[in-house]
Amino acid sequence: QGVRLHTHLAENDHDIAYSLEKFKRTP
């Protein structure tokens, strides 16, 4: 049916820092 997925990702440096601290992974 082509139902797609969408989100925000890797938008700025704070976004990267949050991902590394929270998930221990890059976005």
mmCIF file of all heavy atoms, coordinates in Angstrom:
data_MODEL
# 
_entry.id   MODEL 
# 
loop_
_atom_site.group_PDB 
_atom_site.id 
_atom_site.type_symbol 
_atom_site.label_atom_id 
_atom_site.label_alt_id 
_atom_site.label_comp_id 
_atom_site.label_asym_id 
_atom_site.label_entity_id 
_atom_site.label_seq_id 
_atom_site.pdbx_PDB_ins_code 
_atom_site.Cartn_x 
_atom_site.Cartn_y 
_atom_site.Cartn_z 
_atom_site.occupancy 
_atom_site.B_iso_or_equiv 
_atom_site.pdbx_formal_charge 
_atom_site.auth_seq_id 
_atom_site.auth_comp_id 
_atom_site.auth_asym_id 
_atom_site.auth_atom_id 
_atom_site.pdbx_PDB_model_num 
ATOM 1   N N   . GLN A 1 1  ? 0.809  -1.220 0.000  1.00 0.00 ? 1  GLN A N   1 
ATOM 2   C CA  . GLN A 1 1  ? 0.000  0.000  0.000  1.00 0.00 ? 1  GLN A CA  1 
ATOM 3   C C   . GLN A 1 1  ? 0.845  1.274  0.000  1.00 0.00 ? 1  GLN A C   1 
ATOM 4   O O   . GLN A 1 1  ? 0.310  2.375  -0.094 1.00 0.00 ? 1  GLN A O   1 
ATOM 5   C CB  . GLN A 1 1  ? -0.932 0.008  1.216  1.00 0.00 ? 1  GLN A CB  1 
ATOM 6   C CG  . GLN A 1 1  ? -1.963 -1.114 1.195  1.00 0.00 ? 1  GLN A CG  1 
ATOM 7   C CD  . GLN A 1 1  ? -2.860 -1.033 -0.019 1.00 0.00 ? 1  GLN A CD  1 
ATOM 8   O OE1 . GLN A 1 1  ? -3.559 -0.051 -0.218 1.00 0.00 ? 1  GLN A OE1 1 
ATOM 9   N NE2 . GLN A 1 1  ? -2.843 -2.073 -0.846 1.00 0.00 ? 1  GLN A NE2 1 
ATOM 10  N N   . GLY A 1 2  ? 2.162  1.127  0.148  1.00 0.00 ? 2  GLY A N   1 
ATOM 11  C CA  . GLY A 1 2  ? 3.030  2.296  0.076  1.00 0.00 ? 2  GLY A CA  1 
ATOM 12  C C   . GLY A 1 2  ? 2.876  3.261  1.226  1.00 0.00 ? 2  GLY A C   1 
ATOM 13  O O   . GLY A 1 2  ? 3.019  4.474  1.048  1.00 0.00 ? 2  GLY A O   1 
ATOM 14  N N   . VAL A 1 3  ? 2.608  2.759  2.418  1.00 0.00 ? 3  VAL A N   1 
ATOM 15  C CA  . VAL A 1 3  ? 2.535  3.625  3.605  1.00 0.00 ? 3  VAL A CA  1 
ATOM 16  C C   . VAL A 1 3  ? 3.960  3.926  4.064  1.00 0.00 ? 3  VAL A C   1 
ATOM 17  O O   . VAL A 1 3  ? 4.716  3.012  4.406  1.00 0.00 ? 3  VAL A O   1 
ATOM 18  C CB  . VAL A 1 3  ? 1.725  2.971  4.737  1.00 0.00 ? 3  VAL A CB  1 
ATOM 19  C CG1 . VAL A 1 3  ? 1.680  3.895  5.960  1.00 0.00 ? 3  VAL A CG1 1 
ATOM 20  C CG2 . VAL A 1 3  ? 0.322  2.637  4.274  1.00 0.00 ? 3  VAL A CG2 1 
ATOM 21  N N   . ARG A 1 4  ? 4.327  5.195  4.078  1.00 0.00 ? 4  ARG A N   1 
ATOM 22  C CA  . ARG A 1 4  ? 5.715  5.579  4.305  1.00 0.00 ? 4  ARG A CA  1 
ATOM 23  C C   . ARG A 1 4  ? 5.948  6.063  5.725  1.00 0.00 ? 4  ARG A C   1 
ATOM 24  O O   . ARG A 1 4  ? 5.009  6.288  6.507  1.00 0.00 ? 4  ARG A O   1 
ATOM 25  C CB  . ARG A 1 4  ? 6.126  6.664  3.295  1.00 0.00 ? 4  ARG A CB  1 
ATOM 26  C CG  . ARG A 1 4  ? 5.972  6.180  1.863  1.00 0.00 ? 4  ARG A CG  1 
ATOM 27  C CD  . ARG A 1 4  ? 6.368  7.226  0.843  1.00 0.00 ? 4  ARG A CD  1 
ATOM 28  N NE  . ARG A 1 4  ? 7.810  7.446  0.776  1.00 0.00 ? 4  ARG A NE  1 
ATOM 29  C CZ  . ARG A 1 4  ? 8.666  6.592  0.209  1.00 0.00 ? 4  ARG A CZ  1 
ATOM 30  N NH1 . ARG A 1 4  ? 8.234  5.465  -0.327 1.00 0.00 ? 4  ARG A NH1 1 
ATOM 31  N NH2 . ARG A 1 4  ? 9.950  6.870  0.171  1.00 0.00 ? 4  ARG A NH2 1 
ATOM 32  N N   . LEU A 1 5  ? 7.254  6.240  6.034  1.00 0.00 ? 5  LEU A N   1 
ATOM 33  C CA  . LEU A 1 5  ? 7.698  6.664  7.362  1.00 0.00 ? 5  LEU A CA  1 
ATOM 34  C C   . LEU A 1 5  ? 8.531  7.925  7.243  1.00 0.00 ? 5  LEU A C   1 
ATOM 35  O O   . LEU A 1 5  ? 9.337  8.067  6.320  1.00 0.00 ? 5  LEU A O   1 
ATOM 36  C CB  . LEU A 1 5  ? 8.541  5.556  8.014  1.00 0.00 ? 5  LEU A CB  1 
ATOM 37  C CG  . LEU A 1 5  ? 7.829  4.236  8.289  1.00 0.00 ? 5  LEU A CG  1 
ATOM 38  C CD1 . LEU A 1 5  ? 8.842  3.136  8.587  1.00 0.00 ? 5  LEU A CD1 1 
ATOM 39  C CD2 . LEU A 1 5  ? 6.845  4.383  9.448  1.00 0.00 ? 5  LEU A CD2 1 
ATOM 40  N N   . HIS A 1 6  ? 8.369  8.824  8.222  1.00 0.00 ? 6  HIS A N   1 
ATOM 41  C CA  . HIS A 1 6  ? 9.054  10.118 8.157  1.00 0.00 ? 6  HIS A CA  1 
ATOM 42  C C   . HIS A 1 6  ? 9.385  10.605 9.564  1.00 0.00 ? 6  HIS A C   1 
ATOM 43  O O   . HIS A 1 6  ? 8.606  10.395 10.504 1.00 0.00 ? 6  HIS A O   1 
ATOM 44  C CB  . HIS A 1 6  ? 8.150  11.135 7.467  1.00 0.00 ? 6  HIS A CB  1 
ATOM 45  C CG  . HIS A 1 6  ? 8.767  12.489 7.297  1.00 0.00 ? 6  HIS A CG  1 
ATOM 46  N ND1 . HIS A 1 6  ? 10.015 12.684 6.761  1.00 0.00 ? 6  HIS A ND1 1 
ATOM 47  C CD2 . HIS A 1 6  ? 8.298  13.738 7.601  1.00 0.00 ? 6  HIS A CD2 1 
ATOM 48  C CE1 . HIS A 1 6  ? 10.286 13.979 6.731  1.00 0.00 ? 6  HIS A CE1 1 
ATOM 49  N NE2 . HIS A 1 6  ? 9.263  14.630 7.239  1.00 0.00 ? 6  HIS A NE2 1 
ATOM 50  N N   . THR A 1 7  ? 10.544 11.240 9.719  1.00 0.00 ? 7  THR A N   1 
ATOM 51  C CA  . THR A 1 7  ? 10.907 11.893 10.977 1.00 0.00 ? 7  THR A CA  1 
ATOM 52  C C   . THR A 1 7  ? 12.018 12.897 10.708 1.00 0.00 ? 7  THR A C   1 
ATOM 53  O O   . THR A 1 7  ? 12.501 13.032 9.587  1.00 0.00 ? 7  THR A O   1 
ATOM 54  C CB  . THR A 1 7  ? 11.346 10.857 12.030 1.00 0.00 ? 7  THR A CB  1 
ATOM 55  O OG1 . THR A 1 7  ? 11.423 11.483 13.318 1.00 0.00 ? 7  THR A OG1 1 
ATOM 56  C CG2 . THR A 1 7  ? 12.701 10.246 11.694 1.00 0.00 ? 7  THR A CG2 1 
ATOM 57  N N   . HIS A 1 8  ? 12.412 13.638 11.757 1.00 0.00 ? 8  HIS A N   1 
ATOM 58  C CA  . HIS A 1 8  ? 13.572 14.525 11.695 1.00 0.00 ? 8  HIS A CA  1 
ATOM 59  C C   . HIS A 1 8  ? 14.812 13.743 12.113 1.00 0.00 ? 8  HIS A C   1 
ATOM 60  O O   . HIS A 1 8  ? 14.753 12.924 13.027 1.00 0.00 ? 8  HIS A O   1 
ATOM 61  C CB  . HIS A 1 8  ? 13.421 15.700 12.669 1.00 0.00 ? 8  HIS A CB  1 
ATOM 62  C CG  . HIS A 1 8  ? 12.247 16.585 12.412 1.00 0.00 ? 8  HIS A CG  1 
ATOM 63  N ND1 . HIS A 1 8  ? 11.002 16.342 12.950 1.00 0.00 ? 8  HIS A ND1 1 
ATOM 64  C CD2 . HIS A 1 8  ? 12.137 17.726 11.697 1.00 0.00 ? 8  HIS A CD2 1 
ATOM 65  C CE1 . HIS A 1 8  ? 10.175 17.309 12.574 1.00 0.00 ? 8  HIS A CE1 1 
ATOM 66  N NE2 . HIS A 1 8  ? 10.828 18.164 11.806 1.00 0.00 ? 8  HIS A NE2 1 
ATOM 67  N N   . LEU A 1 9  ? 15.956 14.055 11.491 1.00 0.00 ? 9  LEU A N   1 
ATOM 68  C CA  . LEU A 1 9  ? 17.173 13.334 11.860 1.00 0.00 ? 9  LEU A CA  1 
ATOM 69  C C   . LEU A 1 9  ? 18.406 14.195 11.587 1.00 0.00 ? 9  LEU A C   1 
ATOM 70  O O   . LEU A 1 9  ? 18.482 14.884 10.555 1.00 0.00 ? 9  LEU A O   1 
ATOM 71  C CB  . LEU A 1 9  ? 17.289 12.027 11.056 1.00 0.00 ? 9  LEU A CB  1 
ATOM 72  C CG  . LEU A 1 9  ? 18.256 10.988 11.636 1.00 0.00 ? 9  LEU A CG  1 
ATOM 73  C CD1 . LEU A 1 9  ? 17.599 10.263 12.809 1.00 0.00 ? 9  LEU A CD1 1 
ATOM 74  C CD2 . LEU A 1 9  ? 18.697 9.984  10.577 1.00 0.00 ? 9  LEU A CD2 1 
ATOM 75  N N   . ALA A 1 10 ? 19.352 14.142 12.524 1.00 0.00 ? 10 ALA A N   1 
ATOM 76  C CA  . ALA A 1 10 ? 20.683 14.741 12.339 1.00 0.00 ? 10 ALA A CA  1 
ATOM 77  C C   . ALA A 1 10 ? 20.590 16.195 11.878 1.00 0.00 ? 10 ALA A C   1 
ATOM 78  O O   . ALA A 1 10 ? 21.291 16.621 10.977 1.00 0.00 ? 10 ALA A O   1 
ATOM 79  C CB  . ALA A 1 10 ? 21.511 13.912 11.347 1.00 0.00 ? 10 ALA A CB  1 
ATOM 80  N N   . GLU A 1 11 ? 19.739 16.970 12.569 1.00 0.00 ? 11 GLU A N   1 
ATOM 81  C CA  . GLU A 1 11 ? 19.478 18.334 12.098 1.00 0.00 ? 11 GLU A CA  1 
ATOM 82  C C   . GLU A 1 11 ? 20.580 19.307 12.472 1.00 0.00 ? 11 GLU A C   1 
ATOM 83  O O   . GLU A 1 11 ? 20.913 20.198 11.692 1.00 0.00 ? 11 GLU A O   1 
ATOM 84  C CB  . GLU A 1 11 ? 18.136 18.822 12.635 1.00 0.00 ? 11 GLU A CB  1 
ATOM 85  C CG  . GLU A 1 11 ? 17.727 20.165 12.084 1.00 0.00 ? 11 GLU A CG  1 
ATOM 86  C CD  . GLU A 1 11 ? 16.273 20.522 12.387 1.00 0.00 ? 11 GLU A CD  1 
ATOM 87  O OE1 . GLU A 1 11 ? 15.533 19.648 12.884 1.00 0.00 ? 11 GLU A OE1 1 
ATOM 88  O OE2 . GLU A 1 11 ? 15.890 21.676 12.130 1.00 0.00 ? 11 GLU A OE2 1 
ATOM 89  N N   . ASN A 1 12 ? 21.141 19.170 13.705 1.00 0.00 ? 12 ASN A N   1 
ATOM 90  C CA  . ASN A 1 12 ? 22.222 20.086 14.099 1.00 0.00 ? 12 ASN A CA  1 
ATOM 91  C C   . ASN A 1 12 ? 23.131 19.416 15.121 1.00 0.00 ? 12 ASN A C   1 
ATOM 92  O O   . ASN A 1 12 ? 22.964 18.238 15.454 1.00 0.00 ? 12 ASN A O   1 
ATOM 93  C CB  . ASN A 1 12 ? 21.662 21.420 14.603 1.00 0.00 ? 12 ASN A CB  1 
ATOM 94  C CG  . ASN A 1 12 ? 20.973 21.314 15.964 1.00 0.00 ? 12 ASN A CG  1 
ATOM 95  O OD1 . ASN A 1 12 ? 20.937 20.258 16.583 1.00 0.00 ? 12 ASN A OD1 1 
ATOM 96  N ND2 . ASN A 1 12 ? 20.435 22.421 16.428 1.00 0.00 ? 12 ASN A ND2 1 
ATOM 97  N N   . ASP A 1 13 ? 24.091 20.153 15.635 1.00 0.00 ? 13 ASP A N   1 
ATOM 98  C CA  . ASP A 1 13 ? 25.074 19.564 16.551 1.00 0.00 ? 13 ASP A CA  1 
ATOM 99  C C   . ASP A 1 13 ? 24.425 19.076 17.843 1.00 0.00 ? 13 ASP A C   1 
ATOM 100 O O   . ASP A 1 13 ? 24.836 18.054 18.399 1.00 0.00 ? 13 ASP A O   1 
ATOM 101 C CB  . ASP A 1 13 ? 26.173 20.583 16.870 1.00 0.00 ? 13 ASP A CB  1 
ATOM 102 C CG  . ASP A 1 13 ? 27.096 20.848 15.685 1.00 0.00 ? 13 ASP A CG  1 
ATOM 103 O OD1 . ASP A 1 13 ? 27.242 19.944 14.834 1.00 0.00 ? 13 ASP A OD1 1 
ATOM 104 O OD2 . ASP A 1 13 ? 27.670 21.952 15.606 1.00 0.00 ? 13 ASP A OD2 1 
ATOM 105 N N   . HIS A 1 14 ? 23.411 19.812 18.342 1.00 0.00 ? 14 HIS A N   1 
ATOM 106 C CA  . HIS A 1 14 ? 22.729 19.375 19.561 1.00 0.00 ? 14 HIS A CA  1 
ATOM 107 C C   . HIS A 1 14 ? 22.005 18.052 19.332 1.00 0.00 ? 14 HIS A C   1 
ATOM 108 O O   . HIS A 1 14 ? 21.943 17.200 20.225 1.00 0.00 ? 14 HIS A O   1 
ATOM 109 C CB  . HIS A 1 14 ? 21.751 20.452 20.022 1.00 0.00 ? 14 HIS A CB  1 
ATOM 110 C CG  . HIS A 1 14 ? 22.393 21.737 20.430 1.00 0.00 ? 14 HIS A CG  1 
ATOM 111 N ND1 . HIS A 1 14 ? 23.251 21.831 21.508 1.00 0.00 ? 14 HIS A ND1 1 
ATOM 112 C CD2 . HIS A 1 14 ? 22.326 22.981 19.904 1.00 0.00 ? 14 HIS A CD2 1 
ATOM 113 C CE1 . HIS A 1 14 ? 23.674 23.075 21.638 1.00 0.00 ? 14 HIS A CE1 1 
ATOM 114 N NE2 . HIS A 1 14 ? 23.133 23.796 20.666 1.00 0.00 ? 14 HIS A NE2 1 
ATOM 115 N N   . ASP A 1 15 ? 21.468 17.888 18.158 1.00 0.00 ? 15 ASP A N   1 
ATOM 116 C CA  . ASP A 1 15 ? 20.793 16.644 17.775 1.00 0.00 ? 15 ASP A CA  1 
ATOM 117 C C   . ASP A 1 15 ? 21.780 15.473 17.828 1.00 0.00 ? 15 ASP A C   1 
ATOM 118 O O   . ASP A 1 15 ? 21.479 14.393 18.361 1.00 0.00 ? 15 ASP A O   1 
ATOM 119 C CB  . ASP A 1 15 ? 20.237 16.816 16.357 1.00 0.00 ? 15 ASP A CB  1 
ATOM 120 C CG  . ASP A 1 15 ? 19.121 15.844 16.022 1.00 0.00 ? 15 ASP A CG  1 
ATOM 121 O OD1 . ASP A 1 15 ? 18.907 14.899 16.787 1.00 0.00 ? 15 ASP A OD1 1 
ATOM 122 O OD2 . ASP A 1 15 ? 18.471 16.037 14.986 1.00 0.00 ? 15 ASP A OD2 1 
ATOM 123 N N   . ILE A 1 16 ? 22.963 15.696 17.298 1.00 0.00 ? 16 ILE A N   1 
ATOM 124 C CA  . ILE A 1 16 ? 24.003 14.655 17.319 1.00 0.00 ? 16 ILE A CA  1 
ATOM 125 C C   . ILE A 1 16 ? 24.406 14.331 18.753 1.00 0.00 ? 16 ILE A C   1 
ATOM 126 O O   . ILE A 1 16 ? 24.511 13.156 19.149 1.00 0.00 ? 16 ILE A O   1 
ATOM 127 C CB  . ILE A 1 16 ? 25.241 15.099 16.516 1.00 0.00 ? 16 ILE A CB  1 
ATOM 128 C CG1 . ILE A 1 16 ? 24.874 15.416 15.063 1.00 0.00 ? 16 ILE A CG1 1 
ATOM 129 C CG2 . ILE A 1 16 ? 26.334 14.033 16.578 1.00 0.00 ? 16 ILE A CG2 1 
ATOM 130 C CD1 . ILE A 1 16 ? 24.336 14.272 14.281 1.00 0.00 ? 16 ILE A CD1 1 
ATOM 131 N N   . ALA A 1 17 ? 24.628 15.383 19.554 1.00 0.00 ? 17 ALA A N   1 
ATOM 132 C CA  . ALA A 1 17 ? 25.061 15.183 20.946 1.00 0.00 ? 17 ALA A CA  1 
ATOM 133 C C   . ALA A 1 17 ? 24.009 14.410 21.733 1.00 0.00 ? 17 ALA A C   1 
ATOM 134 O O   . ALA A 1 17 ? 24.350 13.518 22.528 1.00 0.00 ? 17 ALA A O   1 
ATOM 135 C CB  . ALA A 1 17 ? 25.344 16.537 21.593 1.00 0.00 ? 17 ALA A CB  1 
ATOM 136 N N   . TYR A 1 18 ? 22.728 14.729 21.521 1.00 0.00 ? 18 TYR A N   1 
ATOM 137 C CA  . TYR A 1 18 ? 21.652 14.029 22.216 1.00 0.00 ? 18 TYR A CA  1 
ATOM 138 C C   . TYR A 1 18 ? 21.661 12.547 21.854 1.00 0.00 ? 18 TYR A C   1 
ATOM 139 O O   . TYR A 1 18 ? 21.544 11.673 22.724 1.00 0.00 ? 18 TYR A O   1 
ATOM 140 C CB  . TYR A 1 18 ? 20.306 14.654 21.844 1.00 0.00 ? 18 TYR A CB  1 
ATOM 141 C CG  . TYR A 1 18 ? 19.119 14.036 22.560 1.00 0.00 ? 18 TYR A CG  1 
ATOM 142 C CD1 . TYR A 1 18 ? 18.661 14.552 23.763 1.00 0.00 ? 18 TYR A CD1 1 
ATOM 143 C CD2 . TYR A 1 18 ? 18.459 12.921 22.033 1.00 0.00 ? 18 TYR A CD2 1 
ATOM 144 C CE1 . TYR A 1 18 ? 17.578 13.987 24.422 1.00 0.00 ? 18 TYR A CE1 1 
ATOM 145 C CE2 . TYR A 1 18 ? 17.379 12.349 22.684 1.00 0.00 ? 18 TYR A CE2 1 
ATOM 146 C CZ  . TYR A 1 18 ? 16.939 12.892 23.873 1.00 0.00 ? 18 TYR A CZ  1 
ATOM 147 O OH  . TYR A 1 18 ? 15.872 12.313 24.527 1.00 0.00 ? 18 TYR A OH  1 
ATOM 148 N N   . SER A 1 19 ? 21.808 12.248 20.572 1.00 0.00 ? 19 SER A N   1 
ATOM 149 C CA  . SER A 1 19 ? 21.800 10.861 20.121 1.00 0.00 ? 19 SER A CA  1 
ATOM 150 C C   . SER A 1 19 ? 22.970 10.072 20.708 1.00 0.00 ? 19 SER A C   1 
ATOM 151 O O   . SER A 1 19 ? 22.803 8.934  21.163 1.00 0.00 ? 19 SER A O   1 
ATOM 152 C CB  . SER A 1 19 ? 21.841 10.811 18.596 1.00 0.00 ? 19 SER A CB  1 
ATOM 153 O OG  . SER A 1 19 ? 21.744 9.495  18.130 1.00 0.00 ? 19 SER A OG  1 
ATOM 154 N N   . LEU A 1 20 ? 24.152 10.684 20.705 1.00 0.00 ? 20 LEU A N   1 
ATOM 155 C CA  . LEU A 1 20 ? 25.325 9.994  21.237 1.00 0.00 ? 20 LEU A CA  1 
ATOM 156 C C   . LEU A 1 20 ? 25.204 9.765  22.735 1.00 0.00 ? 20 LEU A C   1 
ATOM 157 O O   . LEU A 1 20 ? 25.576 8.695  23.255 1.00 0.00 ? 20 LEU A O   1 
ATOM 158 C CB  . LEU A 1 20 ? 26.583 10.797 20.921 1.00 0.00 ? 20 LEU A CB  1 
ATOM 159 C CG  . LEU A 1 20 ? 26.994 10.857 19.441 1.00 0.00 ? 20 LEU A CG  1 
ATOM 160 C CD1 . LEU A 1 20 ? 28.152 11.820 19.247 1.00 0.00 ? 20 LEU A CD1 1 
ATOM 161 C CD2 . LEU A 1 20 ? 27.364 9.461  18.928 1.00 0.00 ? 20 LEU A CD2 1 
ATOM 162 N N   . GLU A 1 21 ? 24.670 10.752 23.455 1.00 0.00 ? 21 GLU A N   1 
ATOM 163 C CA  . GLU A 1 21 ? 24.534 10.610 24.906 1.00 0.00 ? 21 GLU A CA  1 
ATOM 164 C C   . GLU A 1 21 ? 23.423 9.639  25.275 1.00 0.00 ? 21 GLU A C   1 
ATOM 165 O O   . GLU A 1 21 ? 23.594 8.785  26.150 1.00 0.00 ? 21 GLU A O   1 
ATOM 166 C CB  . GLU A 1 21 ? 24.254 11.979 25.530 1.00 0.00 ? 21 GLU A CB  1 
ATOM 167 C CG  . GLU A 1 21 ? 24.071 11.923 27.047 1.00 0.00 ? 21 GLU A CG  1 
ATOM 168 C CD  . GLU A 1 21 ? 23.753 13.279 27.659 1.00 0.00 ? 21 GLU A CD  1 
ATOM 169 O OE1 . GLU A 1 21 ? 23.800 14.299 26.929 1.00 0.00 ? 21 GLU A OE1 1 
ATOM 170 O OE2 . GLU A 1 21 ? 23.435 13.320 28.864 1.00 0.00 ? 21 GLU A OE2 1 
ATOM 171 N N   . LYS A 1 22 ? 22.286 9.744  24.595 1.00 0.00 ? 22 LYS A N   1 
ATOM 172 C CA  . LYS A 1 22 ? 21.109 8.972  24.973 1.00 0.00 ? 22 LYS A CA  1 
ATOM 173 C C   . LYS A 1 22 ? 21.172 7.537  24.458 1.00 0.00 ? 22 LYS A C   1 
ATOM 174 O O   . LYS A 1 22 ? 20.803 6.586  25.169 1.00 0.00 ? 22 LYS A O   1 
ATOM 175 C CB  . LYS A 1 22 ? 19.858 9.661  24.413 1.00 0.00 ? 22 LYS A CB  1 
ATOM 176 C CG  . LYS A 1 22 ? 18.545 8.993  24.759 1.00 0.00 ? 22 LYS A CG  1 
ATOM 177 C CD  . LYS A 1 22 ? 18.094 9.332  26.148 1.00 0.00 ? 22 LYS A CD  1 
ATOM 178 C CE  . LYS A 1 22 ? 16.677 8.821  26.404 1.00 0.00 ? 22 LYS A CE  1 
ATOM 179 N NZ  . LYS A 1 22 ? 16.228 9.095  27.779 1.00 0.00 ? 22 LYS A NZ  1 
ATOM 180 N N   . PHE A 1 23 ? 21.639 7.372  23.201 1.00 0.00 ? 23 PHE A N   1 
ATOM 181 C CA  . PHE A 1 23 ? 21.569 6.063  22.565 1.00 0.00 ? 23 PHE A CA  1 
ATOM 182 C C   . PHE A 1 23 ? 22.936 5.449  22.278 1.00 0.00 ? 23 PHE A C   1 
ATOM 183 O O   . PHE A 1 23 ? 23.010 4.306  21.816 1.00 0.00 ? 23 PHE A O   1 
ATOM 184 C CB  . PHE A 1 23 ? 20.784 6.171  21.245 1.00 0.00 ? 23 PHE A CB  1 
ATOM 185 C CG  . PHE A 1 23 ? 19.463 6.860  21.375 1.00 0.00 ? 23 PHE A CG  1 
ATOM 186 C CD1 . PHE A 1 23 ? 19.215 8.056  20.706 1.00 0.00 ? 23 PHE A CD1 1 
ATOM 187 C CD2 . PHE A 1 23 ? 18.460 6.336  22.178 1.00 0.00 ? 23 PHE A CD2 1 
ATOM 188 C CE1 . PHE A 1 23 ? 18.002 8.705  20.819 1.00 0.00 ? 23 PHE A CE1 1 
ATOM 189 C CE2 . PHE A 1 23 ? 17.232 6.976  22.304 1.00 0.00 ? 23 PHE A CE2 1 
ATOM 190 C CZ  . PHE A 1 23 ? 17.011 8.169  21.631 1.00 0.00 ? 23 PHE A CZ  1 
ATOM 191 N N   . LYS A 1 24 ? 23.991 6.228  22.521 1.00 0.00 ? 24 LYS A N   1 
ATOM 192 C CA  . LYS A 1 24 ? 25.367 5.776  22.220 1.00 0.00 ? 24 LYS A CA  1 
ATOM 193 C C   . LYS A 1 24 ? 25.540 5.441  20.744 1.00 0.00 ? 24 LYS A C   1 
ATOM 194 O O   . LYS A 1 24 ? 26.349 4.583  20.368 1.00 0.00 ? 24 LYS A O   1 
ATOM 195 C CB  . LYS A 1 24 ? 25.747 4.545  23.069 1.00 0.00 ? 24 LYS A CB  1 
ATOM 196 C CG  . LYS A 1 24 ? 25.425 4.651  24.550 1.00 0.00 ? 24 LYS A CG  1 
ATOM 197 C CD  . LYS A 1 24 ? 26.076 5.851  25.207 1.00 0.00 ? 24 LYS A CD  1 
ATOM 198 C CE  . LYS A 1 24 ? 25.749 5.908  26.703 1.00 0.00 ? 24 LYS A CE  1 
ATOM 199 N NZ  . LYS A 1 24 ? 26.070 7.214  27.312 1.00 0.00 ? 24 LYS A NZ  1 
ATOM 200 N N   . ARG A 1 25 ? 24.791 6.116  19.909 1.00 0.00 ? 25 ARG A N   1 
ATOM 201 C CA  . ARG A 1 25 ? 24.810 5.865  18.479 1.00 0.00 ? 25 ARG A CA  1 
ATOM 202 C C   . ARG A 1 25 ? 24.692 7.201  17.745 1.00 0.00 ? 25 ARG A C   1 
ATOM 203 O O   . ARG A 1 25 ? 24.094 8.150  18.248 1.00 0.00 ? 25 ARG A O   1 
ATOM 204 C CB  . ARG A 1 25 ? 23.629 4.979  18.052 1.00 0.00 ? 25 ARG A CB  1 
ATOM 205 C CG  . ARG A 1 25 ? 23.477 3.689  18.844 1.00 0.00 ? 25 ARG A CG  1 
ATOM 206 C CD  . ARG A 1 25 ? 24.517 2.685  18.434 1.00 0.00 ? 25 ARG A CD  1 
ATOM 207 N NE  . ARG A 1 25 ? 24.118 1.960  17.232 1.00 0.00 ? 25 ARG A NE  1 
ATOM 208 C CZ  . ARG A 1 25 ? 24.943 1.233  16.504 1.00 0.00 ? 25 ARG A CZ  1 
ATOM 209 N NH1 . ARG A 1 25 ? 26.233 1.180  16.814 1.00 0.00 ? 25 ARG A NH1 1 
ATOM 210 N NH2 . ARG A 1 25 ? 24.505 0.577  15.441 1.00 0.00 ? 25 ARG A NH2 1 
ATOM 211 N N   . THR A 1 26 ? 25.244 7.266  16.541 1.00 0.00 ? 26 THR A N   1 
ATOM 212 C CA  . THR A 1 26 ? 24.956 8.415  15.697 1.00 0.00 ? 26 THR A CA  1 
ATOM 213 C C   . THR A 1 26 ? 23.491 8.333  15.258 1.00 0.00 ? 26 THR A C   1 
ATOM 214 O O   . THR A 1 26 ? 22.876 7.252  15.320 1.00 0.00 ? 26 THR A O   1 
ATOM 215 C CB  . THR A 1 26 ? 25.847 8.438  14.448 1.00 0.00 ? 26 THR A CB  1 
ATOM 216 O OG1 . THR A 1 26 ? 25.476 7.331  13.607 1.00 0.00 ? 26 THR A OG1 1 
ATOM 217 C CG2 . THR A 1 26 ? 27.323 8.365  14.803 1.00 0.00 ? 26 THR A CG2 1 
ATOM 218 N N   . PRO A 1 27 ? 22.907 9.432  14.797 1.00 0.00 ? 27 PRO A N   1 
ATOM 219 C CA  . PRO A 1 27 ? 21.514 9.354  14.347 1.00 0.00 ? 27 PRO A CA  1 
ATOM 220 C C   . PRO A 1 27 ? 21.286 8.306  13.260 1.00 0.00 ? 27 PRO A C   1 
ATOM 221 O O   . PRO A 1 27 ? 20.271 7.595  13.288 1.00 0.00 ? 27 PRO A O   1 
ATOM 222 C CB  . PRO A 1 27 ? 21.248 10.771 13.833 1.00 0.00 ? 27 PRO A CB  1 
ATOM 223 C CG  . PRO A 1 27 ? 22.126 11.635 14.675 1.00 0.00 ? 27 PRO A CG  1 
ATOM 224 C CD  . PRO A 1 27 ? 23.383 10.836 14.855 1.00 0.00 ? 27 PRO A CD  1 
# 
